[in-house]
Amino acid sequence: MPTNPELEGEVLTKSDEEPKEPDEYVILLLNDDFTTMEFVVTVIMTVFHKPLPEATRIMLDVHKRGKGTVGVYSYDIAVTKINQVHLLARQNGFPLKCTMEKA
């Protein structure tokens, strides 16, 4: 491949492009008839690092409204947290579901 001697040693950049912020995703816990409220609070505190009062409020949203928002994260972090929730739920015999939607 021929090279341009005038550009040798130069760094080529596209100056007209601004860095783009990564997309964000809302993580939702979904209600079911089997997972205990206590377990949902524990998951919220463990996986999402929420204090007890906030975890309790989110759990009540899940219970009363059918779903509750636990956080907004980049794609990779959201997928990791969802996998952690599902793993903890299965290990404890609960069918707790967690999903994400673009923010």
PDB file of N, CA and C in Angstrom:
ATOM      1  N   MET A   1       0.849  -1.172   0.000  1.00  0.00           N
ATOM      2  CA  MET A   1       0.000   0.000   0.000  1.00  0.00           C
ATOM      3  C   MET A   1       0.899   1.242   0.000  1.00  0.00           C
ATOM      4  N   PRO A   2       0.770   2.113  -0.966  1.00  0.00           N
ATOM      5  CA  PRO A   2       1.631   3.298  -1.023  1.00  0.00           C
ATOM      6  C   PRO A   2       1.259   4.295   0.076  1.00  0.00           C
ATOM      7  N   THR A   3       2.268   4.975   0.581  1.00  0.00           N
ATOM      8  CA  THR A   3       2.038   5.984   1.611  1.00  0.00           C
ATOM      9  C   THR A   3       2.351   7.365   1.063  1.00  0.00           C
ATOM     10  N   ASN A   4       1.754   8.357   1.647  1.00  0.00           N
ATOM     11  CA  ASN A   4       1.994   9.737   1.244  1.00  0.00           C
ATOM     12  C   ASN A   4       3.135  10.281   2.101  1.00  0.00           C
ATOM     13  N   PRO A   5       4.275  10.609   1.499  1.00  0.00           N
ATOM     14  CA  PRO A   5       5.411  11.088   2.293  1.00  0.00           C
ATOM     15  C   PRO A   5       5.125  12.384   3.046  1.00  0.00           C
ATOM     16  N   GLU A   6       4.181  13.184   2.564  1.00  0.00           N
ATOM     17  CA  GLU A   6       3.858  14.436   3.258  1.00  0.00           C
ATOM     18  C   GLU A   6       3.163  14.174   4.596  1.00  0.00           C
ATOM     19  N   LEU A   7       2.487  13.013   4.725  1.00  0.00           N
ATOM     20  CA  LEU A   7       1.741  12.702   5.944  1.00  0.00           C
ATOM     21  C   LEU A   7       2.495  11.769   6.880  1.00  0.00           C
ATOM     22  N   GLU A   8       3.696  11.362   6.503  1.00  0.00           N
ATOM     23  CA  GLU A   8       4.449  10.413   7.318  1.00  0.00           C
ATOM     24  C   GLU A   8       4.707  10.984   8.706  1.00  0.00           C
ATOM     25  N   GLY A   9       4.369  10.200   9.716  1.00  0.00           N
ATOM     26  CA  GLY A   9       4.558  10.614  11.104  1.00  0.00           C
ATOM     27  C   GLY A   9       3.427  11.454  11.660  1.00  0.00           C
ATOM     28  N   GLU A  10       2.443  11.811  10.850  1.00  0.00           N
ATOM     29  CA  GLU A  10       1.310  12.616  11.291  1.00  0.00           C
ATOM     30  C   GLU A  10       0.190  11.712  11.805  1.00  0.00           C
ATOM     31  N   VAL A  11      -0.563  12.204  12.751  1.00  0.00           N
ATOM     32  CA  VAL A  11      -1.732  11.495  13.267  1.00  0.00           C
ATOM     33  C   VAL A  11      -2.945  12.022  12.516  1.00  0.00           C
ATOM     34  N   LEU A  12      -3.690  11.105  11.913  1.00  0.00           N
ATOM     35  CA  LEU A  12      -4.867  11.503  11.164  1.00  0.00           C
ATOM     36  C   LEU A  12      -6.077  11.459  12.085  1.00  0.00           C
ATOM     37  N   THR A  13      -6.797  12.561  12.151  1.00  0.00           N
ATOM     38  CA  THR A  13      -8.013  12.613  12.971  1.00  0.00           C
ATOM     39  C   THR A  13      -9.111  13.293  12.182  1.00  0.00           C
ATOM     40  N   LYS A  14     -10.319  13.007  12.563  1.00  0.00           N
ATOM     41  CA  LYS A  14     -11.465  13.692  11.979  1.00  0.00           C
ATOM     42  C   LYS A  14     -11.896  14.745  12.990  1.00  0.00           C
ATOM     43  N   SER A  15     -11.607  15.987  12.688  1.00  0.00           N
ATOM     44  CA  SER A  15     -11.853  17.051  13.651  1.00  0.00           C
ATOM     45  C   SER A  15     -13.315  17.470  13.732  1.00  0.00           C
ATOM     46  N   ASP A  16     -14.129  17.075  12.743  1.00  0.00           N
ATOM     47  CA  ASP A  16     -15.517  17.504  12.750  1.00  0.00           C
ATOM     48  C   ASP A  16     -16.431  16.592  13.565  1.00  0.00           C
ATOM     49  N   GLU A  17     -15.888  15.515  14.132  1.00  0.00           N
ATOM     50  CA  GLU A  17     -16.708  14.595  14.923  1.00  0.00           C
ATOM     51  C   GLU A  17     -16.492  14.818  16.416  1.00  0.00           C
ATOM     52  N   GLU A  18     -17.577  15.028  17.108  1.00  0.00           N
ATOM     53  CA  GLU A  18     -17.534  15.164  18.566  1.00  0.00           C
ATOM     54  C   GLU A  18     -17.674  13.784  19.188  1.00  0.00           C
ATOM     55  N   PRO A  19     -17.013  13.521  20.327  1.00  0.00           N
ATOM     56  CA  PRO A  19     -17.225  12.236  21.002  1.00  0.00           C
ATOM     57  C   PRO A  19     -18.688  12.118  21.429  1.00  0.00           C
ATOM     58  N   LYS A  20     -19.259  10.955  21.247  1.00  0.00           N
ATOM     59  CA  LYS A  20     -20.668  10.737  21.556  1.00  0.00           C
ATOM     60  C   LYS A  20     -20.793  10.043  22.908  1.00  0.00           C
ATOM     61  N   GLU A  21     -21.705  10.524  23.719  1.00  0.00           N
ATOM     62  CA  GLU A  21     -21.980   9.882  25.007  1.00  0.00           C
ATOM     63  C   GLU A  21     -22.621   8.519  24.750  1.00  0.00           C
ATOM     64  N   PRO A  22     -22.290   7.511  25.563  1.00  0.00           N
ATOM     65  CA  PRO A  22     -22.919   6.200  25.354  1.00  0.00           C
ATOM     66  C   PRO A  22     -24.416   6.258  25.688  1.00  0.00           C
ATOM     67  N   ASP A  23     -25.179   5.421  25.011  1.00  0.00           N
ATOM     68  CA  ASP A  23     -26.608   5.327  25.307  1.00  0.00           C
ATOM     69  C   ASP A  23     -26.800   4.838  26.733  1.00  0.00           C
ATOM     70  N   GLU A  24     -27.893   5.267  27.345  1.00  0.00           N
ATOM     71  CA  GLU A  24     -28.200   4.836  28.708  1.00  0.00           C
ATOM     72  C   GLU A  24     -29.460   3.985  28.697  1.00  0.00           C
ATOM     73  N   TYR A  25     -29.534   3.084  29.658  1.00  0.00           N
ATOM     74  CA  TYR A  25     -30.647   2.146  29.753  1.00  0.00           C
ATOM     75  C   TYR A  25     -31.217   2.149  31.165  1.00  0.00           C
ATOM     76  N   VAL A  26     -32.539   2.159  31.244  1.00  0.00           N
ATOM     77  CA  VAL A  26     -33.253   2.087  32.516  1.00  0.00           C
ATOM     78  C   VAL A  26     -33.421   0.609  32.856  1.00  0.00           C
ATOM     79  N   ILE A  27     -33.069   0.235  34.079  1.00  0.00           N
ATOM     80  CA  ILE A  27     -33.269  -1.143  34.536  1.00  0.00           C
ATOM     81  C   ILE A  27     -34.541  -1.199  35.365  1.00  0.00           C
ATOM     82  N   LEU A  28     -35.394  -2.160  35.042  1.00  0.00           N
ATOM     83  CA  LEU A  28     -36.678  -2.337  35.711  1.00  0.00           C
ATOM     84  C   LEU A  28     -36.761  -3.718  36.350  1.00  0.00           C
ATOM     85  N   LEU A  29     -37.254  -3.764  37.575  1.00  0.00           N
ATOM     86  CA  LEU A  29     -37.618  -5.035  38.208  1.00  0.00           C
ATOM     87  C   LEU A  29     -39.106  -5.251  37.963  1.00  0.00           C
ATOM     88  N   LEU A  30     -39.482  -6.481  37.656  1.00  0.00           N
ATOM     89  CA  LEU A  30     -40.871  -6.802  37.348  1.00  0.00           C
ATOM     90  C   LEU A  30     -41.492  -7.621  38.464  1.00  0.00           C
ATOM     91  N   ASN A  31     -42.739  -7.345  38.758  1.00  0.00           N
ATOM     92  CA  ASN A  31     -43.452  -8.035  39.823  1.00  0.00           C
ATOM     93  C   ASN A  31     -43.813  -9.460  39.418  1.00  0.00           C
ATOM     94  N   ASP A  32     -43.853 -10.343  40.403  1.00  0.00           N
ATOM     95  CA  ASP A  32     -44.379 -11.696  40.223  1.00  0.00           C
ATOM     96  C   ASP A  32     -45.061 -12.099  41.524  1.00  0.00           C
ATOM     97  N   ASP A  33     -45.757 -13.220  41.507  1.00  0.00           N
ATOM     98  CA  ASP A  33     -46.529 -13.638  42.683  1.00  0.00           C
ATOM     99  C   ASP A  33     -45.739 -14.500  43.665  1.00  0.00           C
ATOM    100  N   PHE A  34     -44.459 -14.732  43.410  1.00  0.00           N
ATOM    101  CA  PHE A  34     -43.702 -15.675  44.231  1.00  0.00           C
ATOM    102  C   PHE A  34     -42.501 -15.075  44.957  1.00  0.00           C
ATOM    103  N   THR A  35     -41.848 -14.103  44.365  1.00  0.00           N
ATOM    104  CA  THR A  35     -40.661 -13.513  44.984  1.00  0.00           C
ATOM    105  C   THR A  35     -41.082 -12.665  46.177  1.00  0.00           C
ATOM    106  N   THR A  36     -40.425 -12.891  47.305  1.00  0.00           N
ATOM    107  CA  THR A  36     -40.798 -12.155  48.521  1.00  0.00           C
ATOM    108  C   THR A  36     -40.315 -10.706  48.465  1.00  0.00           C
ATOM    109  N   MET A  37     -41.031  -9.851  49.169  1.00  0.00           N
ATOM    110  CA  MET A  37     -40.655  -8.438  49.235  1.00  0.00           C
ATOM    111  C   MET A  37     -39.277  -8.283  49.861  1.00  0.00           C
ATOM    112  N   GLU A  38     -38.990  -9.087  50.871  1.00  0.00           N
ATOM    113  CA  GLU A  38     -37.698  -9.014  51.554  1.00  0.00           C
ATOM    114  C   GLU A  38     -36.563  -9.338  50.595  1.00  0.00           C
ATOM    115  N   PHE A  39     -36.772 -10.345  49.739  1.00  0.00           N
ATOM    116  CA  PHE A  39     -35.726 -10.714  48.784  1.00  0.00           C
ATOM    117  C   PHE A  39     -35.516  -9.596  47.768  1.00  0.00           C
ATOM    118  N   VAL A  40     -36.583  -8.980  47.306  1.00  0.00           N
ATOM    119  CA  VAL A  40     -36.466  -7.873  46.347  1.00  0.00           C
ATOM    120  C   VAL A  40     -35.661  -6.731  46.965  1.00  0.00           C
ATOM    121  N   VAL A  41     -35.940  -6.390  48.208  1.00  0.00           N
ATOM    122  CA  VAL A  41     -35.180  -5.338  48.900  1.00  0.00           C
ATOM    123  C   VAL A  41     -33.711  -5.726  48.987  1.00  0.00           C
ATOM    124  N   THR A  42     -33.430  -6.969  49.334  1.00  0.00           N
ATOM    125  CA  THR A  42     -32.048  -7.446  49.436  1.00  0.00           C
ATOM    126  C   THR A  42     -31.331  -7.328  48.094  1.00  0.00           C
ATOM    127  N   VAL A  43     -31.996  -7.718  47.016  1.00  0.00           N
ATOM    128  CA  VAL A  43     -31.394  -7.631  45.677  1.00  0.00           C
ATOM    129  C   VAL A  43     -31.099  -6.182  45.324  1.00  0.00           C
ATOM    130  N   ILE A  44     -32.035  -5.296  45.589  1.00  0.00           N
ATOM    131  CA  ILE A  44     -31.838  -3.877  45.263  1.00  0.00           C
ATOM    132  C   ILE A  44     -30.659  -3.306  46.044  1.00  0.00           C
ATOM    133  N   MET A  45     -30.546  -3.663  47.302  1.00  0.00           N
ATOM    134  CA  MET A  45     -29.447  -3.168  48.125  1.00  0.00           C
ATOM    135  C   MET A  45     -28.113  -3.782  47.694  1.00  0.00           C
ATOM    136  N   THR A  46     -28.124  -5.070  47.344  1.00  0.00           N
ATOM    137  CA  THR A  46     -26.888  -5.778  47.008  1.00  0.00           C
ATOM    138  C   THR A  46     -26.380  -5.429  45.611  1.00  0.00           C
ATOM    139  N   VAL A  47     -27.230  -5.536  44.623  1.00  0.00           N
ATOM    140  CA  VAL A  47     -26.811  -5.351  43.232  1.00  0.00           C
ATOM    141  C   VAL A  47     -26.721  -3.874  42.852  1.00  0.00           C
ATOM    142  N   PHE A  48     -27.670  -3.069  43.347  1.00  0.00           N
ATOM    143  CA  PHE A  48     -27.750  -1.680  42.920  1.00  0.00           C
ATOM    144  C   PHE A  48     -27.245  -0.694  43.973  1.00  0.00           C
ATOM    145  N   HIS A  49     -26.827  -1.216  45.134  1.00  0.00           N
ATOM    146  CA  HIS A  49     -26.206  -0.413  46.197  1.00  0.00           C
ATOM    147  C   HIS A  49     -27.094   0.735  46.672  1.00  0.00           C
ATOM    148  N   LYS A  50     -28.386   0.455  46.799  1.00  0.00           N
ATOM    149  CA  LYS A  50     -29.342   1.448  47.293  1.00  0.00           C
ATOM    150  C   LYS A  50     -29.496   1.293  48.802  1.00  0.00           C
ATOM    151  N   PRO A  51     -29.670   2.401  49.532  1.00  0.00           N
ATOM    152  CA  PRO A  51     -29.917   2.311  50.975  1.00  0.00           C
ATOM    153  C   PRO A  51     -31.309   1.711  51.231  1.00  0.00           C
ATOM    154  N   LEU A  52     -31.515   1.202  52.428  1.00  0.00           N
ATOM    155  CA  LEU A  52     -32.762   0.526  52.784  1.00  0.00           C
ATOM    156  C   LEU A  52     -34.023   1.334  52.472  1.00  0.00           C
ATOM    157  N   PRO A  53     -34.111   2.618  52.841  1.00  0.00           N
ATOM    158  CA  PRO A  53     -35.352   3.356  52.536  1.00  0.00           C
ATOM    159  C   PRO A  53     -35.649   3.421  51.030  1.00  0.00           C
ATOM    160  N   GLU A  54     -34.627   3.656  50.221  1.00  0.00           N
ATOM    161  CA  GLU A  54     -34.827   3.723  48.775  1.00  0.00           C
ATOM    162  C   GLU A  54     -35.152   2.347  48.198  1.00  0.00           C
ATOM    163  N   ALA A  55     -34.475   1.313  48.695  1.00  0.00           N
ATOM    164  CA  ALA A  55     -34.753  -0.057  48.239  1.00  0.00           C
ATOM    165  C   ALA A  55     -36.187  -0.445  48.571  1.00  0.00           C
ATOM    166  N   THR A  56     -36.660  -0.046  49.729  1.00  0.00           N
ATOM    167  CA  THR A  56     -38.038  -0.342  50.138  1.00  0.00           C
ATOM    168  C   THR A  56     -39.031   0.388  49.236  1.00  0.00           C
ATOM    169  N   ARG A  57     -38.754   1.641  48.914  1.00  0.00           N
ATOM    170  CA  ARG A  57     -39.630   2.407  48.028  1.00  0.00           C
ATOM    171  C   ARG A  57     -39.708   1.772  46.644  1.00  0.00           C
ATOM    172  N   ILE A  58     -38.556   1.346  46.117  1.00  0.00           N
ATOM    173  CA  ILE A  58     -38.530   0.701  44.806  1.00  0.00           C
ATOM    174  C   ILE A  58     -39.297  -0.612  44.846  1.00  0.00           C
ATOM    175  N   MET A  59     -39.107  -1.383  45.913  1.00  0.00           N
ATOM    176  CA  MET A  59     -39.819  -2.656  46.063  1.00  0.00           C
ATOM    177  C   MET A  59     -41.324  -2.424  46.079  1.00  0.00           C
ATOM    178  N   LEU A  60     -41.773  -1.372  46.747  1.00  0.00           N
ATOM    179  CA  LEU A  60     -43.211  -1.075  46.790  1.00  0.00           C
ATOM    180  C   LEU A  60     -43.730  -0.664  45.406  1.00  0.00           C
ATOM    181  N   ASP A  61     -42.907   0.044  44.626  1.00  0.00           N
ATOM    182  CA  ASP A  61     -43.285   0.343  43.237  1.00  0.00           C
ATOM    183  C   ASP A  61     -43.468  -0.955  42.449  1.00  0.00           C
ATOM    184  N   VAL A  62     -42.535  -1.863  42.616  1.00  0.00           N
ATOM    185  CA  VAL A  62     -42.623  -3.164  41.921  1.00  0.00           C
ATOM    186  C   VAL A  62     -43.903  -3.870  42.334  1.00  0.00           C
ATOM    187  N   HIS A  63     -44.175  -3.884  43.629  1.00  0.00           N
ATOM    188  CA  HIS A  63     -45.336  -4.600  44.162  1.00  0.00           C
ATOM    189  C   HIS A  63     -46.658  -3.968  43.729  1.00  0.00           C
ATOM    190  N   LYS A  64     -46.748  -2.644  43.815  1.00  0.00           N
ATOM    191  CA  LYS A  64     -48.021  -1.962  43.549  1.00  0.00           C
ATOM    192  C   LYS A  64     -48.248  -1.630  42.077  1.00  0.00           C
ATOM    193  N   ARG A  65     -47.183  -1.312  41.350  1.00  0.00           N
ATOM    194  CA  ARG A  65     -47.322  -0.869  39.961  1.00  0.00           C
ATOM    195  C   ARG A  65     -46.926  -1.929  38.938  1.00  0.00           C
ATOM    196  N   GLY A  66     -46.370  -3.027  39.418  1.00  0.00           N
ATOM    197  CA  GLY A  66     -45.977  -4.096  38.505  1.00  0.00           C
ATOM    198  C   GLY A  66     -44.539  -4.026  38.044  1.00  0.00           C
ATOM    199  N   LYS A  67     -43.904  -2.864  38.245  1.00  0.00           N
ATOM    200  CA  LYS A  67     -42.491  -2.713  37.915  1.00  0.00           C
ATOM    201  C   LYS A  67     -41.931  -1.513  38.651  1.00  0.00           C
ATOM    202  N   GLY A  68     -40.622  -1.522  38.811  1.00  0.00           N
ATOM    203  CA  GLY A  68     -39.961  -0.417  39.492  1.00  0.00           C
ATOM    204  C   GLY A  68     -38.594  -0.158  38.889  1.00  0.00           C
ATOM    205  N   THR A  69     -38.245   1.104  38.756  1.00  0.00           N
ATOM    206  CA  THR A  69     -36.947   1.507  38.201  1.00  0.00           C
ATOM    207  C   THR A  69     -35.887   1.446  39.287  1.00  0.00           C
ATOM    208  N   VAL A  70     -34.798   0.728  38.994  1.00  0.00           N
ATOM    209  CA  VAL A  70     -33.720   0.625  39.976  1.00  0.00           C
ATOM    210  C   VAL A  70     -32.477   1.409  39.589  1.00  0.00           C
ATOM    211  N   GLY A  71     -32.418   1.886  38.351  1.00  0.00           N
ATOM    212  CA  GLY A  71     -31.267   2.694  37.971  1.00  0.00           C
ATOM    213  C   GLY A  71     -31.165   2.894  36.477  1.00  0.00           C
ATOM    214  N   VAL A  72     -30.240   3.775  36.101  1.00  0.00           N
ATOM    215  CA  VAL A  72     -29.955   4.063  34.696  1.00  0.00           C
ATOM    216  C   VAL A  72     -28.453   3.873  34.504  1.00  0.00           C
ATOM    217  N   TYR A  73     -28.097   3.030  33.533  1.00  0.00           N
ATOM    218  CA  TYR A  73     -26.702   2.646  33.332  1.00  0.00           C
ATOM    219  C   TYR A  73     -26.377   2.541  31.851  1.00  0.00           C
ATOM    220  N   SER A  74     -25.085   2.504  31.543  1.00  0.00           N
ATOM    221  CA  SER A  74     -24.664   2.226  30.171  1.00  0.00           C
ATOM    222  C   SER A  74     -25.018   0.772  29.858  1.00  0.00           C
ATOM    223  N   TYR A  75     -24.994   0.425  28.588  1.00  0.00           N
ATOM    224  CA  TYR A  75     -25.441  -0.902  28.147  1.00  0.00           C
ATOM    225  C   TYR A  75     -24.715  -2.042  28.876  1.00  0.00           C
ATOM    226  N   ASP A  76     -23.394  -2.028  28.872  1.00  0.00           N
ATOM    227  CA  ASP A  76     -22.632  -3.131  29.471  1.00  0.00           C
ATOM    228  C   ASP A  76     -22.905  -3.282  30.960  1.00  0.00           C
ATOM    229  N   ILE A  77     -22.981  -2.178  31.664  1.00  0.00           N
ATOM    230  CA  ILE A  77     -23.250  -2.234  33.098  1.00  0.00           C
ATOM    231  C   ILE A  77     -24.672  -2.730  33.341  1.00  0.00           C
ATOM    232  N   ALA A  78     -25.620  -2.272  32.541  1.00  0.00           N
ATOM    233  CA  ALA A  78     -27.012  -2.710  32.689  1.00  0.00           C
ATOM    234  C   ALA A  78     -27.128  -4.215  32.481  1.00  0.00           C
ATOM    235  N   VAL A  79     -26.500  -4.738  31.447  1.00  0.00           N
ATOM    236  CA  VAL A  79     -26.555  -6.183  31.180  1.00  0.00           C
ATOM    237  C   VAL A  79     -25.937  -6.963  32.336  1.00  0.00           C
ATOM    238  N   THR A  80     -24.818  -6.485  32.852  1.00  0.00           N
ATOM    239  CA  THR A  80     -24.159  -7.161  33.974  1.00  0.00           C
ATOM    240  C   THR A  80     -25.062  -7.184  35.204  1.00  0.00           C
ATOM    241  N   LYS A  81     -25.685  -6.072  35.522  1.00  0.00           N
ATOM    242  CA  LYS A  81     -26.557  -6.005  36.702  1.00  0.00           C
ATOM    243  C   LYS A  81     -27.786  -6.897  36.521  1.00  0.00           C
ATOM    244  N   ILE A  82     -28.360  -6.932  35.337  1.00  0.00           N
ATOM    245  CA  ILE A  82     -29.504  -7.808  35.074  1.00  0.00           C
ATOM    246  C   ILE A  82     -29.098  -9.265  35.271  1.00  0.00           C
ATOM    247  N   ASN A  83     -27.946  -9.636  34.770  1.00  0.00           N
ATOM    248  CA  ASN A  83     -27.461 -11.010  34.955  1.00  0.00           C
ATOM    249  C   ASN A  83     -27.248 -11.329  36.426  1.00  0.00           C
ATOM    250  N   GLN A  84     -26.747 -10.374  37.194  1.00  0.00           N
ATOM    251  CA  GLN A  84     -26.549 -10.585  38.633  1.00  0.00           C
ATOM    252  C   GLN A  84     -27.895 -10.809  39.335  1.00  0.00           C
ATOM    253  N   VAL A  85     -28.908 -10.010  38.965  1.00  0.00           N
ATOM    254  CA  VAL A  85     -30.238 -10.165  39.561  1.00  0.00           C
ATOM    255  C   VAL A  85     -30.791 -11.555  39.249  1.00  0.00           C
ATOM    256  N   HIS A  86     -30.724 -11.963  37.994  1.00  0.00           N
ATOM    257  CA  HIS A  86     -31.263 -13.264  37.599  1.00  0.00           C
ATOM    258  C   HIS A  86     -30.518 -14.412  38.278  1.00  0.00           C
ATOM    259  N   LEU A  87     -29.202 -14.294  38.404  1.00  0.00           N
ATOM    260  CA  LEU A  87     -28.414 -15.335  39.076  1.00  0.00           C
ATOM    261  C   LEU A  87     -28.805 -15.442  40.550  1.00  0.00           C
ATOM    262  N   LEU A  88     -28.883 -14.306  41.243  1.00  0.00           N
ATOM    263  CA  LEU A  88     -29.283 -14.328  42.660  1.00  0.00           C
ATOM    264  C   LEU A  88     -30.685 -14.909  42.832  1.00  0.00           C
ATOM    265  N   ALA A  89     -31.591 -14.525  41.954  1.00  0.00           N
ATOM    266  CA  ALA A  89     -32.972 -15.024  42.046  1.00  0.00           C
ATOM    267  C   ALA A  89     -33.002 -16.539  41.869  1.00  0.00           C
ATOM    268  N   ARG A  90     -32.319 -17.046  40.857  1.00  0.00           N
ATOM    269  CA  ARG A  90     -32.324 -18.497  40.609  1.00  0.00           C
ATOM    270  C   ARG A  90     -31.667 -19.257  41.759  1.00  0.00           C
ATOM    271  N   GLN A  91     -30.573 -18.717  42.278  1.00  0.00           N
ATOM    272  CA  GLN A  91     -29.877 -19.369  43.396  1.00  0.00           C
ATOM    273  C   GLN A  91     -30.766 -19.464  44.631  1.00  0.00           C
ATOM    274  N   ASN A  92     -31.724 -18.537  44.747  1.00  0.00           N
ATOM    275  CA  ASN A  92     -32.607 -18.519  45.910  1.00  0.00           C
ATOM    276  C   ASN A  92     -34.002 -19.047  45.604  1.00  0.00           C
ATOM    277  N   GLY A  93     -34.188 -19.596  44.395  1.00  0.00           N
ATOM    278  CA  GLY A  93     -35.443 -20.231  44.036  1.00  0.00           C
ATOM    279  C   GLY A  93     -36.586 -19.280  43.710  1.00  0.00           C
ATOM    280  N   PHE A  94     -36.256 -18.063  43.270  1.00  0.00           N
ATOM    281  CA  PHE A  94     -37.291 -17.085  42.926  1.00  0.00           C
ATOM    282  C   PHE A  94     -37.298 -16.818  41.422  1.00  0.00           C
ATOM    283  N   PRO A  95     -38.482 -16.513  40.868  1.00  0.00           N
ATOM    284  CA  PRO A  95     -38.577 -16.221  39.431  1.00  0.00           C
ATOM    285  C   PRO A  95     -38.445 -14.735  39.099  1.00  0.00           C
ATOM    286  N   LEU A  96     -37.819 -13.960  39.960  1.00  0.00           N
ATOM    287  CA  LEU A  96     -37.704 -12.514  39.763  1.00  0.00           C
ATOM    288  C   LEU A  96     -37.129 -12.196  38.394  1.00  0.00           C
ATOM    289  N   LYS A  97     -37.778 -11.281  37.692  1.00  0.00           N
ATOM    290  CA  LYS A  97     -37.338 -10.860  36.359  1.00  0.00           C
ATOM    291  C   LYS A  97     -36.884  -9.404  36.409  1.00  0.00           C
ATOM    292  N   CYS A  98     -35.897  -9.129  35.589  1.00  0.00           N
ATOM    293  CA  CYS A  98     -35.328  -7.801  35.492  1.00  0.00           C
ATOM    294  C   CYS A  98     -35.100  -7.534  34.006  1.00  0.00           C
ATOM    295  N   THR A  99     -35.402  -6.321  33.560  1.00  0.00           N
ATOM    296  CA  THR A  99     -35.256  -5.984  32.149  1.00  0.00           C
ATOM    297  C   THR A  99     -34.724  -4.571  32.016  1.00  0.00           C
ATOM    298  N   MET A 100     -34.426  -4.184  30.770  1.00  0.00           N
ATOM    299  CA  MET A 100     -33.948  -2.816  30.554  1.00  0.00           C
ATOM    300  C   MET A 100     -34.596  -2.252  29.297  1.00  0.00           C
ATOM    301  N   GLU A 101     -34.709  -0.916  29.274  1.00  0.00           N
ATOM    302  CA  GLU A 101     -35.193  -0.206  28.099  1.00  0.00           C
ATOM    303  C   GLU A 101     -34.315   1.006  27.909  1.00  0.00           C
ATOM    304  N   LYS A 102     -34.203   1.424  26.671  1.00  0.00           N
ATOM    305  CA  LYS A 102     -33.391   2.601  26.376  1.00  0.00           C
ATOM    306  C   LYS A 102     -33.995   3.817  27.070  1.00  0.00           C
ATOM    307  N   ALA A 103     -33.125   4.596  27.719  1.00  0.00           N
ATOM    308  CA  ALA A 103     -33.587   5.776  28.466  1.00  0.00           C
ATOM    309  C   ALA A 103     -33.978   6.906  27.541  1.00  0.00           C
TER     310      ALA A 103
END
